[in-house]
């Protein structure tokens, strides 16, 4: 399994948290194996104080509570969630749940 992490932060508001989240996500690869690679993108949207997170899987996955999607994109299927005023340790649990979402068997 590989996890690609990107970020597009417009301000310094989430820089420290995103650094901690990236380090935790890198540890996922050694802690747990998955059949599918995925991409995690951190970003901010102008005039919105929330941290936005996209998790994109090549294959369709089971829904995970709190995440929007899936939406088909060229790289597979993307799920999105925003975070505000939440400790990074709680945020990482939500991201981990989406990264390791169960792949739906193709028919």
Protein backbone atom coordinates (compact mmCIF):
# COMPACT_ATOMS: atom_id res chain seq x y z
CA UNK A 1 0.00 0.00 0.00
CA UNK A 2 1.14 3.51 -0.67
CA UNK A 3 -0.41 6.72 0.49
CA UNK A 4 0.29 9.93 -1.40
CA UNK A 5 -0.14 13.11 0.66
CA UNK A 6 -0.55 16.58 -0.78
CA UNK A 7 -1.41 19.93 0.71
CA UNK A 8 -2.55 23.29 -0.53
CA UNK A 9 -2.80 25.50 2.53
CA UNK A 10 -3.60 29.16 1.96
CA UNK A 11 -2.80 30.30 5.51
CA UNK A 12 -0.71 29.20 8.48
CA UNK A 13 -3.83 28.25 10.46
CA UNK A 14 -3.49 24.48 9.90
CA UNK A 15 0.25 24.08 9.21
CA UNK A 16 1.18 22.56 12.59
CA UNK A 17 -1.79 20.16 12.60
CA UNK A 18 -1.18 19.06 9.01
CA UNK A 19 2.46 18.26 9.83
CA UNK A 20 1.28 16.02 12.68
CA UNK A 21 -1.40 14.44 10.48
CA UNK A 22 1.11 13.73 7.70
CA UNK A 23 3.46 11.99 10.13
CA UNK A 24 0.62 9.87 11.48
CA UNK A 25 -0.55 8.96 7.98
CA UNK A 26 2.96 7.83 7.00
CA UNK A 27 2.83 5.39 9.92
CA UNK A 28 -0.36 3.81 8.51
CA UNK A 29 1.63 2.04 5.81
CA UNK A 30 3.70 0.05 8.28
CA UNK A 31 0.91 -0.40 10.82
CA UNK A 32 -1.73 -1.88 8.53
CA UNK A 33 -1.88 -3.19 5.01
CA UNK A 34 -4.58 -2.50 2.46
CA UNK A 35 -5.23 -3.73 -1.06
CA UNK A 36 -5.54 -0.24 -2.47
CA UNK A 37 -3.33 2.80 -2.74
CA UNK A 38 -4.90 6.13 -1.91
CA UNK A 39 -4.30 9.86 -1.96
CA UNK A 40 -4.90 12.20 0.96
CA UNK A 41 -5.14 15.90 0.14
CA UNK A 42 -5.24 18.67 2.73
CA UNK A 43 -6.43 22.06 1.59
CA UNK A 44 -8.07 25.30 2.56
CA UNK A 45 -10.77 27.22 0.73
CA UNK A 46 -10.79 31.00 0.69
CA UNK A 47 -13.12 32.52 3.31
CA UNK A 48 -13.58 29.15 5.03
CA UNK A 49 -11.67 28.47 8.27
CA UNK A 50 -12.07 24.69 8.03
CA UNK A 51 -9.41 22.20 7.04
CA UNK A 52 -10.68 20.29 4.00
CA UNK A 53 -9.52 16.72 3.45
CA UNK A 54 -10.01 14.57 0.36
CA UNK A 55 -9.27 10.85 0.35
CA UNK A 56 -9.18 9.30 -3.10
CA UNK A 57 -9.20 5.55 -3.70
CA UNK A 58 -8.70 3.89 -7.05
CA UNK A 59 -11.67 1.63 -6.34
CA UNK A 60 -15.09 2.26 -4.82
CA UNK A 61 -15.22 1.79 -1.03
CA UNK A 62 -17.92 1.37 1.57
CA UNK A 63 -19.23 4.67 2.96
CA UNK A 64 -17.62 6.01 6.13
CA UNK A 65 -19.68 8.08 8.54
CA UNK A 66 -19.04 11.82 8.31
CA UNK A 67 -17.49 11.74 4.83
CA UNK A 68 -19.17 13.05 1.67
CA UNK A 69 -18.94 11.05 -1.50
CA UNK A 70 -17.96 9.06 -3.32
CA UNK A 71 -17.55 11.24 -6.38
CA UNK A 72 -15.95 9.76 -9.48
CA UNK A 73 -12.73 11.50 -10.53
CA UNK A 74 -10.03 10.55 -13.02
CA UNK A 75 -7.94 8.91 -10.25
CA UNK A 76 -10.86 6.85 -8.87
CA UNK A 77 -13.35 7.88 -6.20
CA UNK A 78 -12.98 10.81 -3.83
CA UNK A 79 -14.50 11.37 -0.40
CA UNK A 80 -14.37 14.74 1.36
CA UNK A 81 -14.69 16.00 4.90
CA UNK A 82 -14.03 19.27 6.70
CA UNK A 83 -12.63 19.72 10.18
CA UNK A 84 -12.90 22.68 12.57
CA UNK A 85 -11.90 23.03 16.21
CA UNK A 86 -11.03 19.34 16.54
CA UNK A 87 -7.83 18.00 18.06
CA UNK A 88 -5.56 16.46 15.43
CA UNK A 89 -5.69 13.08 17.24
CA UNK A 90 -9.43 12.90 16.61
CA UNK A 91 -8.98 14.12 13.04
CA UNK A 92 -6.46 11.37 12.32
CA UNK A 93 -8.89 8.70 13.51
CA UNK A 94 -11.46 9.95 10.98
CA UNK A 95 -8.86 10.02 8.21
CA UNK A 96 -7.62 6.53 9.12
CA UNK A 97 -11.19 5.19 8.89
CA UNK A 98 -11.49 6.59 5.36
CA UNK A 99 -8.03 5.48 4.24
CA UNK A 100 -8.84 1.92 5.32
CA UNK A 101 -12.45 1.92 4.12
CA UNK A 102 -13.51 -1.48 2.84
CA UNK A 103 -13.26 -1.82 -0.93
CA UNK A 104 -16.51 -2.82 -2.57
CA UNK A 105 -16.07 -6.01 -4.55
CA UNK A 106 -16.41 -5.47 -8.28
CA UNK A 107 -19.03 -7.53 -10.04
